[in-house]
N, C-alpha and C. Protein backbone atom coordinates (compact mmCIF):
# COMPACT_ATOMS: atom_id res chain seq x y z
N MET A 1 10.42 35.28 43.77
CA MET A 1 9.27 35.26 42.85
C MET A 1 8.03 34.81 43.61
N SER A 2 6.92 35.51 43.44
CA SER A 2 5.68 35.14 44.11
C SER A 2 4.75 34.44 43.14
N CYS A 3 3.77 33.76 43.69
CA CYS A 3 2.78 33.10 42.86
C CYS A 3 1.44 33.15 43.58
N PRO A 4 0.33 33.02 42.87
CA PRO A 4 -0.97 33.06 43.52
C PRO A 4 -1.15 31.86 44.44
N LEU A 5 -2.17 31.93 45.30
CA LEU A 5 -2.38 30.89 46.30
C LEU A 5 -2.64 29.52 45.68
N ASN A 6 -3.18 29.48 44.46
CA ASN A 6 -3.46 28.19 43.85
C ASN A 6 -2.27 27.67 43.04
N CYS A 7 -1.14 28.37 43.08
CA CYS A 7 0.04 27.96 42.33
C CYS A 7 0.68 26.73 42.99
N ARG A 8 0.91 25.69 42.21
CA ARG A 8 1.61 24.51 42.72
C ARG A 8 2.84 24.28 41.86
N PRO A 9 3.99 24.03 42.46
CA PRO A 9 5.20 23.83 41.66
C PRO A 9 5.16 22.50 40.93
N ASN A 10 5.82 22.44 39.80
CA ASN A 10 6.08 21.17 39.15
C ASN A 10 7.10 20.42 40.02
N LEU A 11 6.84 19.17 40.31
CA LEU A 11 7.68 18.42 41.24
C LEU A 11 8.62 17.49 40.49
N ILE A 12 9.90 17.57 40.85
CA ILE A 12 10.92 16.70 40.27
C ILE A 12 11.50 15.85 41.39
N PHE A 13 11.40 14.55 41.25
CA PHE A 13 11.86 13.62 42.27
C PHE A 13 13.12 12.90 41.82
N ASP A 14 14.08 12.72 42.73
CA ASP A 14 15.04 11.66 42.55
C ASP A 14 14.28 10.36 42.81
N PHE A 15 14.79 9.24 42.35
CA PHE A 15 14.10 7.96 42.58
C PHE A 15 14.66 7.25 43.80
N ASP A 16 15.96 6.94 43.74
CA ASP A 16 16.58 6.16 44.81
C ASP A 16 16.66 6.99 46.09
N GLY A 17 16.06 6.48 47.15
CA GLY A 17 16.11 7.18 48.43
C GLY A 17 15.05 8.24 48.61
N VAL A 18 14.28 8.52 47.56
CA VAL A 18 13.19 9.50 47.66
C VAL A 18 11.85 8.83 47.40
N LEU A 19 11.78 8.03 46.36
CA LEU A 19 10.56 7.28 46.08
C LEU A 19 10.67 5.82 46.51
N ALA A 20 11.88 5.28 46.54
CA ALA A 20 12.07 3.87 46.93
C ALA A 20 13.33 3.73 47.77
N GLU A 21 13.30 2.79 48.70
CA GLU A 21 14.42 2.56 49.61
C GLU A 21 15.43 1.63 48.93
N THR A 22 16.18 2.20 48.01
CA THR A 22 17.05 1.38 47.15
C THR A 22 18.53 1.73 47.26
N ASN A 23 18.89 2.68 48.10
CA ASN A 23 20.29 3.10 48.14
C ASN A 23 21.23 1.95 48.50
N ARG A 24 20.84 1.14 49.48
CA ARG A 24 21.71 0.03 49.90
C ARG A 24 21.86 -0.98 48.76
N ILE A 25 20.78 -1.22 48.02
CA ILE A 25 20.83 -2.14 46.88
C ILE A 25 21.83 -1.62 45.85
N ARG A 26 21.76 -0.33 45.56
CA ARG A 26 22.65 0.26 44.56
C ARG A 26 24.11 0.15 44.98
N ILE A 27 24.39 0.41 46.25
CA ILE A 27 25.78 0.36 46.73
C ILE A 27 26.28 -1.08 46.73
N ASP A 28 25.50 -2.00 47.26
CA ASP A 28 25.92 -3.40 47.33
C ASP A 28 26.08 -4.02 45.94
N GLY A 29 25.39 -3.46 44.95
CA GLY A 29 25.53 -3.96 43.58
C GLY A 29 26.95 -3.85 43.06
N PHE A 30 27.66 -2.80 43.48
CA PHE A 30 29.05 -2.65 43.05
C PHE A 30 29.95 -3.71 43.70
N LYS A 31 29.62 -4.10 44.90
CA LYS A 31 30.38 -5.16 45.58
C LYS A 31 30.23 -6.48 44.83
N GLU A 32 29.01 -6.76 44.38
CA GLU A 32 28.79 -7.98 43.62
C GLU A 32 29.43 -7.89 42.24
N LEU A 33 29.41 -6.71 41.64
CA LEU A 33 29.97 -6.53 40.30
C LEU A 33 31.48 -6.73 40.30
N PHE A 34 32.16 -6.19 41.31
CA PHE A 34 33.62 -6.20 41.30
C PHE A 34 34.25 -7.14 42.33
N GLY A 35 33.46 -7.60 43.28
CA GLY A 35 34.01 -8.44 44.34
C GLY A 35 34.56 -9.75 43.81
N GLY A 36 35.71 -10.19 44.35
CA GLY A 36 36.33 -11.43 43.94
C GLY A 36 37.31 -11.28 42.81
N GLU A 37 37.11 -10.30 41.93
CA GLU A 37 38.01 -10.10 40.79
C GLU A 37 39.04 -9.01 41.05
N TYR A 38 38.71 -8.09 41.95
CA TYR A 38 39.58 -6.94 42.22
C TYR A 38 39.92 -6.91 43.71
N PRO A 39 41.01 -6.21 44.08
CA PRO A 39 41.42 -6.18 45.49
C PRO A 39 40.30 -5.69 46.41
N VAL A 40 40.14 -6.34 47.55
CA VAL A 40 39.09 -5.99 48.50
C VAL A 40 39.18 -4.52 48.90
N GLU A 41 40.41 -4.03 49.12
CA GLU A 41 40.59 -2.64 49.55
C GLU A 41 40.09 -1.68 48.48
N ALA A 42 40.32 -2.01 47.20
CA ALA A 42 39.88 -1.14 46.11
C ALA A 42 38.36 -1.12 46.03
N VAL A 43 37.74 -2.29 46.17
CA VAL A 43 36.28 -2.35 46.13
C VAL A 43 35.68 -1.58 47.30
N GLU A 44 36.28 -1.69 48.47
CA GLU A 44 35.80 -0.93 49.63
C GLU A 44 35.89 0.57 49.40
N GLN A 45 36.96 1.01 48.73
CA GLN A 45 37.08 2.43 48.39
C GLN A 45 35.94 2.86 47.48
N LEU A 46 35.60 2.01 46.54
CA LEU A 46 34.49 2.33 45.64
C LEU A 46 33.17 2.40 46.39
N LEU A 47 32.95 1.48 47.31
CA LEU A 47 31.70 1.49 48.07
C LEU A 47 31.59 2.77 48.90
N GLN A 48 32.71 3.20 49.49
CA GLN A 48 32.70 4.45 50.24
C GLN A 48 32.41 5.63 49.32
N TYR A 49 33.02 5.62 48.13
CA TYR A 49 32.77 6.69 47.16
C TYR A 49 31.30 6.69 46.74
N ALA A 50 30.74 5.49 46.53
CA ALA A 50 29.33 5.39 46.14
C ALA A 50 28.42 5.92 47.24
N CYS A 51 28.77 5.65 48.49
CA CYS A 51 27.98 6.17 49.62
C CYS A 51 28.00 7.69 49.66
N MET A 52 29.15 8.27 49.40
CA MET A 52 29.30 9.72 49.49
C MET A 52 28.79 10.44 48.26
N ASN A 53 28.56 9.70 47.18
CA ASN A 53 28.12 10.31 45.92
C ASN A 53 26.93 9.55 45.36
N GLY A 54 25.90 9.43 46.22
CA GLY A 54 24.74 8.63 45.86
C GLY A 54 24.05 9.08 44.58
N GLY A 55 24.13 10.35 44.24
CA GLY A 55 23.41 10.85 43.08
C GLY A 55 24.15 10.72 41.77
N LEU A 56 25.42 10.27 41.81
CA LEU A 56 26.17 10.12 40.57
C LEU A 56 25.78 8.85 39.85
N SER A 57 25.92 8.85 38.54
CA SER A 57 25.53 7.69 37.75
C SER A 57 26.53 6.55 37.92
N ARG A 58 26.07 5.36 37.64
CA ARG A 58 26.95 4.17 37.67
C ARG A 58 28.09 4.30 36.68
N TYR A 59 27.87 4.99 35.56
CA TYR A 59 28.91 5.17 34.56
C TYR A 59 30.10 5.94 35.14
N LEU A 60 29.80 7.00 35.88
CA LEU A 60 30.86 7.79 36.50
C LEU A 60 31.53 7.02 37.64
N LYS A 61 30.75 6.25 38.39
CA LYS A 61 31.33 5.47 39.49
C LYS A 61 32.24 4.37 38.97
N ILE A 62 31.83 3.70 37.90
CA ILE A 62 32.67 2.67 37.30
C ILE A 62 33.96 3.28 36.76
N ARG A 63 33.85 4.41 36.09
CA ARG A 63 35.04 5.07 35.57
C ARG A 63 35.95 5.52 36.72
N TYR A 64 35.36 6.03 37.78
CA TYR A 64 36.15 6.45 38.94
C TYR A 64 36.90 5.25 39.52
N PHE A 65 36.26 4.10 39.61
CA PHE A 65 36.88 2.90 40.16
C PHE A 65 38.16 2.55 39.40
N PHE A 66 38.07 2.56 38.08
CA PHE A 66 39.24 2.19 37.28
C PHE A 66 40.29 3.30 37.24
N GLU A 67 39.85 4.51 36.95
CA GLU A 67 40.82 5.58 36.71
C GLU A 67 41.42 6.17 37.98
N GLN A 68 40.63 6.28 39.05
CA GLN A 68 41.09 6.94 40.26
C GLN A 68 41.55 5.95 41.34
N ILE A 69 40.92 4.79 41.41
CA ILE A 69 41.27 3.82 42.45
C ILE A 69 42.29 2.81 41.94
N LEU A 70 42.03 2.25 40.76
CA LEU A 70 42.96 1.26 40.20
C LEU A 70 44.04 1.88 39.34
N ASN A 71 43.88 3.18 39.02
CA ASN A 71 44.85 3.88 38.16
C ASN A 71 45.04 3.15 36.83
N THR A 72 43.90 2.77 36.24
CA THR A 72 43.89 2.01 34.99
C THR A 72 42.93 2.67 34.01
N ALA A 73 43.33 2.79 32.77
CA ALA A 73 42.45 3.35 31.75
C ALA A 73 41.33 2.36 31.44
N ILE A 74 40.18 2.90 31.08
CA ILE A 74 39.05 2.05 30.70
C ILE A 74 38.33 2.68 29.51
N GLU A 75 38.00 1.87 28.53
CA GLU A 75 37.33 2.35 27.32
C GLU A 75 35.83 2.51 27.57
N ASP A 76 35.22 3.39 26.81
CA ASP A 76 33.79 3.65 26.97
C ASP A 76 32.97 2.37 26.81
N ALA A 77 33.37 1.53 25.84
CA ALA A 77 32.61 0.30 25.60
C ALA A 77 32.65 -0.62 26.82
N ARG A 78 33.77 -0.65 27.52
CA ARG A 78 33.88 -1.48 28.72
C ARG A 78 33.05 -0.90 29.86
N VAL A 79 33.00 0.42 29.96
CA VAL A 79 32.14 1.05 30.97
C VAL A 79 30.69 0.66 30.72
N THR A 80 30.27 0.73 29.47
CA THR A 80 28.89 0.37 29.13
C THR A 80 28.61 -1.10 29.42
N GLU A 81 29.57 -1.96 29.12
CA GLU A 81 29.42 -3.39 29.40
C GLU A 81 29.24 -3.65 30.89
N LEU A 82 30.06 -2.99 31.71
CA LEU A 82 29.97 -3.17 33.15
C LEU A 82 28.68 -2.56 33.71
N ALA A 83 28.26 -1.43 33.14
CA ALA A 83 27.00 -0.81 33.59
C ALA A 83 25.82 -1.73 33.30
N THR A 84 25.86 -2.42 32.17
CA THR A 84 24.80 -3.37 31.83
C THR A 84 24.80 -4.55 32.79
N ALA A 85 25.99 -5.05 33.12
CA ALA A 85 26.11 -6.15 34.09
C ALA A 85 25.58 -5.72 35.45
N TYR A 86 25.88 -4.49 35.83
CA TYR A 86 25.39 -3.95 37.10
C TYR A 86 23.86 -3.90 37.11
N SER A 87 23.27 -3.51 35.99
CA SER A 87 21.81 -3.46 35.89
C SER A 87 21.19 -4.84 36.10
N HIS A 88 21.81 -5.86 35.54
CA HIS A 88 21.31 -7.22 35.71
C HIS A 88 21.34 -7.63 37.19
N ILE A 89 22.33 -7.12 37.92
CA ILE A 89 22.46 -7.46 39.34
C ILE A 89 21.37 -6.80 40.17
N VAL A 90 21.07 -5.52 39.90
CA VAL A 90 20.24 -4.75 40.83
C VAL A 90 18.79 -4.58 40.41
N LYS A 91 18.46 -4.74 39.12
CA LYS A 91 17.15 -4.29 38.64
C LYS A 91 15.98 -4.98 39.35
N ASP A 92 16.02 -6.29 39.45
CA ASP A 92 14.90 -6.99 40.09
C ASP A 92 14.77 -6.61 41.56
N GLN A 93 15.91 -6.40 42.23
CA GLN A 93 15.87 -5.98 43.62
C GLN A 93 15.26 -4.58 43.76
N VAL A 94 15.59 -3.70 42.83
CA VAL A 94 15.05 -2.34 42.86
C VAL A 94 13.54 -2.37 42.62
N ILE A 95 13.10 -3.21 41.69
CA ILE A 95 11.67 -3.33 41.43
C ILE A 95 10.92 -3.78 42.69
N ALA A 96 11.54 -4.69 43.44
CA ALA A 96 10.88 -5.26 44.62
C ALA A 96 11.10 -4.46 45.90
N ALA A 97 11.93 -3.43 45.86
CA ALA A 97 12.27 -2.68 47.07
C ALA A 97 11.06 -1.94 47.62
N PRO A 98 11.01 -1.76 48.94
CA PRO A 98 9.88 -1.02 49.52
C PRO A 98 9.89 0.44 49.10
N ALA A 99 8.70 0.99 48.95
CA ALA A 99 8.58 2.43 48.67
C ALA A 99 8.96 3.22 49.92
N VAL A 100 9.48 4.40 49.71
CA VAL A 100 9.64 5.33 50.83
C VAL A 100 8.26 5.58 51.43
N ARG A 101 8.18 5.61 52.74
CA ARG A 101 6.89 5.78 53.41
C ARG A 101 6.16 7.03 52.89
N GLY A 102 4.95 6.83 52.46
CA GLY A 102 4.12 7.93 51.97
C GLY A 102 4.25 8.22 50.49
N ALA A 103 5.22 7.59 49.81
CA ALA A 103 5.45 7.93 48.40
C ALA A 103 4.27 7.55 47.52
N GLY A 104 3.81 6.32 47.62
CA GLY A 104 2.70 5.89 46.78
C GLY A 104 1.44 6.68 47.04
N GLU A 105 1.16 6.92 48.31
CA GLU A 105 -0.05 7.66 48.67
C GLU A 105 0.02 9.10 48.15
N PHE A 106 1.20 9.71 48.26
CA PHE A 106 1.34 11.08 47.78
C PHE A 106 1.12 11.15 46.27
N LEU A 107 1.77 10.27 45.53
CA LEU A 107 1.66 10.32 44.07
C LEU A 107 0.22 10.11 43.62
N ALA A 108 -0.48 9.19 44.27
CA ALA A 108 -1.88 8.93 43.90
C ALA A 108 -2.77 10.13 44.21
N ALA A 109 -2.55 10.74 45.38
CA ALA A 109 -3.37 11.88 45.80
C ALA A 109 -3.05 13.14 45.00
N TRP A 110 -1.80 13.26 44.56
CA TRP A 110 -1.36 14.50 43.91
C TRP A 110 -1.61 14.49 42.41
N GLN A 111 -1.93 13.35 41.85
CA GLN A 111 -2.09 13.25 40.40
C GLN A 111 -3.10 14.26 39.89
N GLY A 112 -2.71 15.01 38.88
CA GLY A 112 -3.57 16.03 38.29
C GLY A 112 -3.49 17.39 38.95
N ARG A 113 -2.79 17.48 40.08
CA ARG A 113 -2.70 18.77 40.78
C ARG A 113 -1.51 19.58 40.30
N SER A 114 -0.43 18.93 39.92
CA SER A 114 0.70 19.57 39.23
C SER A 114 1.49 18.46 38.56
N ASP A 115 2.33 18.82 37.60
CA ASP A 115 3.10 17.81 36.88
C ASP A 115 4.26 17.32 37.73
N CYS A 116 4.59 16.03 37.57
CA CYS A 116 5.70 15.41 38.29
C CYS A 116 6.63 14.74 37.28
N ALA A 117 7.92 14.72 37.61
CA ALA A 117 8.92 14.05 36.78
C ALA A 117 9.95 13.40 37.70
N ILE A 118 10.69 12.47 37.15
CA ILE A 118 11.82 11.86 37.86
C ILE A 118 13.09 12.21 37.13
N ILE A 119 14.08 12.68 37.87
CA ILE A 119 15.44 12.86 37.35
C ILE A 119 16.37 12.15 38.32
N SER A 120 17.06 11.14 37.83
CA SER A 120 17.83 10.24 38.69
C SER A 120 19.21 9.99 38.11
N GLY A 121 20.12 9.54 38.98
CA GLY A 121 21.42 9.08 38.52
C GLY A 121 21.38 7.68 37.98
N SER A 122 20.26 6.98 38.16
CA SER A 122 20.12 5.62 37.64
C SER A 122 20.05 5.63 36.12
N ASP A 123 20.38 4.50 35.52
CA ASP A 123 20.31 4.37 34.07
C ASP A 123 18.88 4.63 33.60
N GLU A 124 18.73 5.44 32.57
CA GLU A 124 17.40 5.88 32.15
C GLU A 124 16.52 4.73 31.68
N CYS A 125 17.04 3.87 30.81
CA CYS A 125 16.22 2.77 30.30
C CYS A 125 15.81 1.82 31.43
N GLU A 126 16.77 1.51 32.31
CA GLU A 126 16.46 0.65 33.45
C GLU A 126 15.40 1.28 34.34
N LEU A 127 15.56 2.57 34.62
CA LEU A 127 14.63 3.24 35.52
C LEU A 127 13.22 3.30 34.95
N GLN A 128 13.12 3.50 33.65
CA GLN A 128 11.79 3.50 33.03
C GLN A 128 11.14 2.12 33.15
N GLU A 129 11.92 1.05 32.99
CA GLU A 129 11.39 -0.30 33.20
C GLU A 129 10.97 -0.50 34.65
N VAL A 130 11.79 -0.02 35.58
CA VAL A 130 11.48 -0.15 37.01
C VAL A 130 10.17 0.55 37.33
N CYS A 131 9.99 1.76 36.82
CA CYS A 131 8.77 2.52 37.11
C CYS A 131 7.54 1.83 36.54
N ARG A 132 7.67 1.27 35.35
CA ARG A 132 6.54 0.52 34.78
C ARG A 132 6.23 -0.70 35.64
N ALA A 133 7.27 -1.42 36.05
CA ALA A 133 7.07 -2.64 36.84
C ALA A 133 6.47 -2.33 38.22
N ARG A 134 6.81 -1.16 38.78
CA ARG A 134 6.28 -0.77 40.08
C ARG A 134 4.91 -0.11 39.97
N GLY A 135 4.43 0.11 38.74
CA GLY A 135 3.11 0.68 38.53
C GLY A 135 3.01 2.17 38.80
N ILE A 136 4.15 2.89 38.68
CA ILE A 136 4.12 4.33 38.96
C ILE A 136 4.45 5.19 37.75
N ALA A 137 4.75 4.57 36.61
CA ALA A 137 5.19 5.35 35.45
C ALA A 137 4.16 6.39 35.04
N GLY A 138 2.87 6.08 35.20
CA GLY A 138 1.82 7.00 34.76
C GLY A 138 1.72 8.27 35.57
N TYR A 139 2.39 8.35 36.69
CA TYR A 139 2.36 9.55 37.50
C TYR A 139 3.30 10.65 36.97
N PHE A 140 4.17 10.30 36.01
CA PHE A 140 5.24 11.22 35.64
C PHE A 140 5.19 11.59 34.17
N VAL A 141 5.44 12.88 33.90
CA VAL A 141 5.50 13.33 32.51
C VAL A 141 6.82 12.95 31.87
N ALA A 142 7.83 12.63 32.68
CA ALA A 142 9.14 12.21 32.17
C ALA A 142 9.86 11.43 33.25
N VAL A 143 10.61 10.41 32.84
CA VAL A 143 11.50 9.66 33.72
C VAL A 143 12.86 9.69 33.05
N MET A 144 13.79 10.44 33.64
CA MET A 144 15.08 10.72 32.99
C MET A 144 16.23 10.28 33.89
N GLY A 145 17.28 9.76 33.26
CA GLY A 145 18.42 9.28 34.03
C GLY A 145 19.71 9.33 33.24
N SER A 146 20.68 8.56 33.72
CA SER A 146 22.00 8.53 33.10
C SER A 146 21.95 7.70 31.81
N PRO A 147 22.93 7.89 30.91
CA PRO A 147 24.23 8.53 31.17
C PRO A 147 24.26 10.05 31.16
N ARG A 148 23.16 10.73 30.85
CA ARG A 148 23.18 12.19 31.01
C ARG A 148 23.27 12.53 32.50
N THR A 149 23.89 13.66 32.82
CA THR A 149 23.96 14.09 34.20
C THR A 149 22.63 14.69 34.63
N LYS A 150 22.45 14.84 35.93
CA LYS A 150 21.21 15.44 36.43
C LYS A 150 21.07 16.87 35.95
N HIS A 151 22.17 17.60 35.91
CA HIS A 151 22.10 18.99 35.43
C HIS A 151 21.65 19.03 33.98
N GLU A 152 22.20 18.12 33.15
CA GLU A 152 21.79 18.06 31.75
C GLU A 152 20.31 17.68 31.63
N ASN A 153 19.87 16.75 32.47
CA ASN A 153 18.47 16.34 32.40
C ASN A 153 17.52 17.42 32.87
N ILE A 154 17.91 18.20 33.87
CA ILE A 154 17.08 19.32 34.30
C ILE A 154 16.90 20.30 33.15
N ALA A 155 18.01 20.65 32.49
CA ALA A 155 17.94 21.60 31.37
C ALA A 155 17.07 21.04 30.25
N LEU A 156 17.21 19.76 29.96
CA LEU A 156 16.42 19.13 28.90
C LEU A 156 14.93 19.11 29.27
N LEU A 157 14.63 18.76 30.51
CA LEU A 157 13.24 18.71 30.96
C LEU A 157 12.59 20.09 30.89
N LEU A 158 13.28 21.10 31.38
CA LEU A 158 12.73 22.46 31.36
C LEU A 158 12.44 22.89 29.93
N ASP A 159 13.36 22.55 29.02
CA ASP A 159 13.18 22.93 27.62
C ASP A 159 12.00 22.18 27.01
N GLN A 160 11.91 20.88 27.25
CA GLN A 160 10.85 20.08 26.65
C GLN A 160 9.46 20.46 27.18
N MET A 161 9.39 20.77 28.47
CA MET A 161 8.09 21.05 29.09
C MET A 161 7.74 22.54 29.10
N GLY A 162 8.70 23.39 28.77
CA GLY A 162 8.45 24.83 28.81
C GLY A 162 8.31 25.36 30.23
N TRP A 163 8.96 24.69 31.18
CA TRP A 163 8.91 25.11 32.58
C TRP A 163 10.03 26.09 32.88
N ARG A 164 9.80 26.92 33.89
CA ARG A 164 10.86 27.73 34.48
C ARG A 164 11.39 27.02 35.72
N ALA A 165 12.69 27.15 35.95
CA ALA A 165 13.28 26.49 37.11
C ALA A 165 12.64 26.94 38.40
N THR A 166 12.29 28.22 38.48
CA THR A 166 11.71 28.77 39.71
C THR A 166 10.29 28.28 39.94
N GLU A 167 9.66 27.65 38.94
CA GLU A 167 8.31 27.12 39.07
C GLU A 167 8.32 25.63 39.42
N CYS A 168 9.51 25.11 39.72
CA CYS A 168 9.66 23.69 40.03
C CYS A 168 10.22 23.52 41.44
N LEU A 169 10.13 22.31 41.94
CA LEU A 169 10.74 21.95 43.22
C LEU A 169 11.37 20.58 43.06
N PHE A 170 12.67 20.50 43.38
CA PHE A 170 13.40 19.23 43.30
C PHE A 170 13.41 18.60 44.69
N ILE A 171 12.95 17.35 44.78
CA ILE A 171 13.01 16.60 46.03
C ILE A 171 14.07 15.53 45.86
N GLY A 172 15.19 15.66 46.59
CA GLY A 172 16.30 14.74 46.45
C GLY A 172 16.84 14.30 47.80
N ASP A 173 17.85 13.44 47.76
CA ASP A 173 18.41 12.96 49.02
C ASP A 173 19.93 13.00 49.05
N SER A 174 20.56 13.60 48.04
CA SER A 174 22.02 13.63 47.98
C SER A 174 22.53 15.03 47.68
N LYS A 175 23.81 15.22 47.98
CA LYS A 175 24.45 16.49 47.66
C LYS A 175 24.42 16.74 46.15
N ASN A 176 24.54 15.67 45.37
CA ASN A 176 24.49 15.81 43.92
C ASN A 176 23.15 16.35 43.45
N ASP A 177 22.07 15.94 44.13
CA ASP A 177 20.75 16.47 43.80
C ASP A 177 20.69 17.97 44.06
N LYS A 178 21.18 18.37 45.23
CA LYS A 178 21.15 19.78 45.59
C LYS A 178 22.02 20.60 44.65
N ASP A 179 23.20 20.08 44.32
CA ASP A 179 24.09 20.80 43.40
C ASP A 179 23.43 21.01 42.05
N ALA A 180 22.76 19.97 41.54
CA ALA A 180 22.08 20.08 40.24
C ALA A 180 20.96 21.11 40.29
N ALA A 181 20.18 21.09 41.39
CA ALA A 181 19.11 22.07 41.54
C ALA A 181 19.67 23.48 41.64
N ASP A 182 20.73 23.64 42.43
CA ASP A 182 21.34 24.96 42.59
C ASP A 182 21.87 25.50 41.27
N MET A 183 22.51 24.64 40.48
CA MET A 183 23.04 25.07 39.18
C MET A 183 21.93 25.57 38.26
N ALA A 184 20.76 24.97 38.40
CA ALA A 184 19.62 25.36 37.55
C ALA A 184 18.83 26.53 38.12
N GLY A 185 19.14 26.94 39.36
CA GLY A 185 18.35 27.97 40.02
C GLY A 185 16.99 27.46 40.45
N MET A 186 16.92 26.18 40.84
CA MET A 186 15.67 25.52 41.17
C MET A 186 15.56 25.30 42.67
N PRO A 187 14.44 25.61 43.30
CA PRO A 187 14.26 25.31 44.72
C PRO A 187 14.43 23.81 44.99
N PHE A 188 14.89 23.50 46.20
CA PHE A 188 15.24 22.12 46.56
C PHE A 188 14.81 21.84 47.98
N VAL A 189 14.32 20.63 48.22
CA VAL A 189 14.07 20.17 49.58
C VAL A 189 14.64 18.76 49.70
N PRO A 190 15.41 18.46 50.74
CA PRO A 190 16.00 17.13 50.88
C PRO A 190 15.13 16.17 51.66
N ARG A 191 15.29 14.89 51.34
CA ARG A 191 14.74 13.81 52.15
C ARG A 191 15.92 13.09 52.81
N LYS A 192 15.82 12.85 54.09
CA LYS A 192 16.90 12.23 54.85
C LYS A 192 16.80 10.71 54.68
N SER A 193 17.59 10.17 53.75
CA SER A 193 17.53 8.74 53.44
C SER A 193 18.66 7.95 54.07
N GLY A 194 19.67 8.65 54.60
CA GLY A 194 20.80 7.96 55.20
C GLY A 194 22.11 8.19 54.49
N ILE A 195 22.07 8.63 53.21
CA ILE A 195 23.34 8.86 52.52
C ILE A 195 23.89 10.27 52.80
N GLU A 196 23.02 11.19 53.19
CA GLU A 196 23.42 12.52 53.66
C GLU A 196 22.67 12.78 54.96
N HIS A 197 23.37 13.39 55.93
CA HIS A 197 22.72 13.64 57.21
C HIS A 197 21.95 14.97 57.23
N TRP A 198 22.36 15.93 56.41
CA TRP A 198 21.68 17.22 56.31
C TRP A 198 21.65 17.99 57.63
N ASP A 199 22.58 17.68 58.54
CA ASP A 199 22.58 18.34 59.85
C ASP A 199 22.79 19.84 59.74
N ASP A 200 23.56 20.26 58.75
CA ASP A 200 23.86 21.69 58.59
C ASP A 200 22.98 22.37 57.55
N TYR A 201 21.96 21.66 57.07
CA TYR A 201 21.10 22.23 56.04
C TYR A 201 20.19 23.29 56.64
N ASP A 202 20.16 24.45 56.03
CA ASP A 202 19.37 25.57 56.54
C ASP A 202 17.99 25.55 55.89
N GLY A 203 17.13 24.70 56.41
CA GLY A 203 15.80 24.59 55.84
C GLY A 203 15.15 23.29 56.27
N THR A 204 13.97 23.04 55.74
CA THR A 204 13.23 21.83 56.07
C THR A 204 13.91 20.61 55.48
N VAL A 205 13.97 19.54 56.25
CA VAL A 205 14.44 18.24 55.77
C VAL A 205 13.31 17.24 56.00
N LEU A 206 12.89 16.57 54.95
CA LEU A 206 11.81 15.60 55.06
C LEU A 206 12.33 14.28 55.61
N THR A 207 11.58 13.69 56.52
CA THR A 207 11.90 12.35 57.01
C THR A 207 11.42 11.30 56.01
N ASP A 208 10.23 11.50 55.48
CA ASP A 208 9.67 10.64 54.44
C ASP A 208 8.61 11.45 53.70
N LEU A 209 7.91 10.82 52.78
CA LEU A 209 6.99 11.59 51.94
C LEU A 209 5.61 11.75 52.54
N THR A 210 5.38 11.23 53.76
CA THR A 210 4.15 11.60 54.46
C THR A 210 4.16 13.08 54.81
N GLU A 211 5.34 13.69 54.82
CA GLU A 211 5.48 15.11 55.18
C GLU A 211 5.43 16.04 53.98
N LEU A 212 5.40 15.48 52.77
CA LEU A 212 5.57 16.33 51.60
C LEU A 212 4.38 17.25 51.35
N GLU A 213 3.16 16.76 51.48
CA GLU A 213 2.01 17.62 51.20
C GLU A 213 1.95 18.78 52.19
N GLY A 214 2.24 18.52 53.45
CA GLY A 214 2.29 19.60 54.43
C GLY A 214 3.37 20.61 54.09
N TYR A 215 4.52 20.12 53.64
CA TYR A 215 5.60 21.03 53.22
C TYR A 215 5.16 21.88 52.03
N LEU A 216 4.46 21.29 51.08
CA LEU A 216 4.03 22.04 49.91
C LEU A 216 3.02 23.14 50.27
N LYS A 217 2.17 22.89 51.26
CA LYS A 217 1.25 23.94 51.71
C LYS A 217 2.03 25.12 52.28
N TRP A 218 3.05 24.80 53.09
CA TRP A 218 3.90 25.87 53.63
C TRP A 218 4.65 26.57 52.50
N TYR A 219 5.15 25.80 51.55
CA TYR A 219 5.95 26.33 50.45
C TYR A 219 5.14 27.33 49.63
N ARG A 220 3.88 26.99 49.34
CA ARG A 220 3.03 27.90 48.57
C ARG A 220 2.78 29.18 49.33
N ARG A 221 2.52 29.08 50.64
CA ARG A 221 2.27 30.29 51.44
C ARG A 221 3.51 31.17 51.49
N SER A 222 4.69 30.54 51.54
CA SER A 222 5.94 31.29 51.68
C SER A 222 6.30 32.06 50.42
N ARG A 223 5.69 31.70 49.29
CA ARG A 223 6.04 32.32 48.01
C ARG A 223 4.98 33.28 47.51
N THR A 224 4.01 33.62 48.37
CA THR A 224 3.00 34.59 47.95
C THR A 224 3.39 35.98 48.45
């Protein structure tokens, strides 16, 4: 699909690892949540799973820990209780975490040039509080997260905003981000945050968001 030279895609960002350097905080939060009460080996398995599935919600990771690692059933209410406890552990650290280099400058410079949204695996209510506390909520037409999946949130966002998937660009840092974008038929560009190496990715990989505006100039030219 082509677009005129002044066409700018609607930008959809993951939060963790794309706008803020929070991936390590998120992973270590599970160690604090479960450490001491459960076998060390089981907690280490969860941390490895969290590293490999950075874009999945805490609800799915908690359920995976019990059902797949501990081989124990867990009720939805208990998952919610543990997810709330996890939020208490990580939220203040996430608010205080450094921004990805160039993120704040890009959002400030880009405001009004095209619409931006956040779709994240983080808890939606927590993430909205985090964005307000970090002073960035006003840059986004929507901040969406779990317990809905990223694919569900993409579909909901497109419907609410009247956007086409091909008129958007998803900037993420995990395989889960790319899978969600691919399922929606949405263009995707990765940021190398450390949870995925992207060595075999056939396309541009951003080091940080100082490179995003230059990438968008190339992206617009490539679609005319």
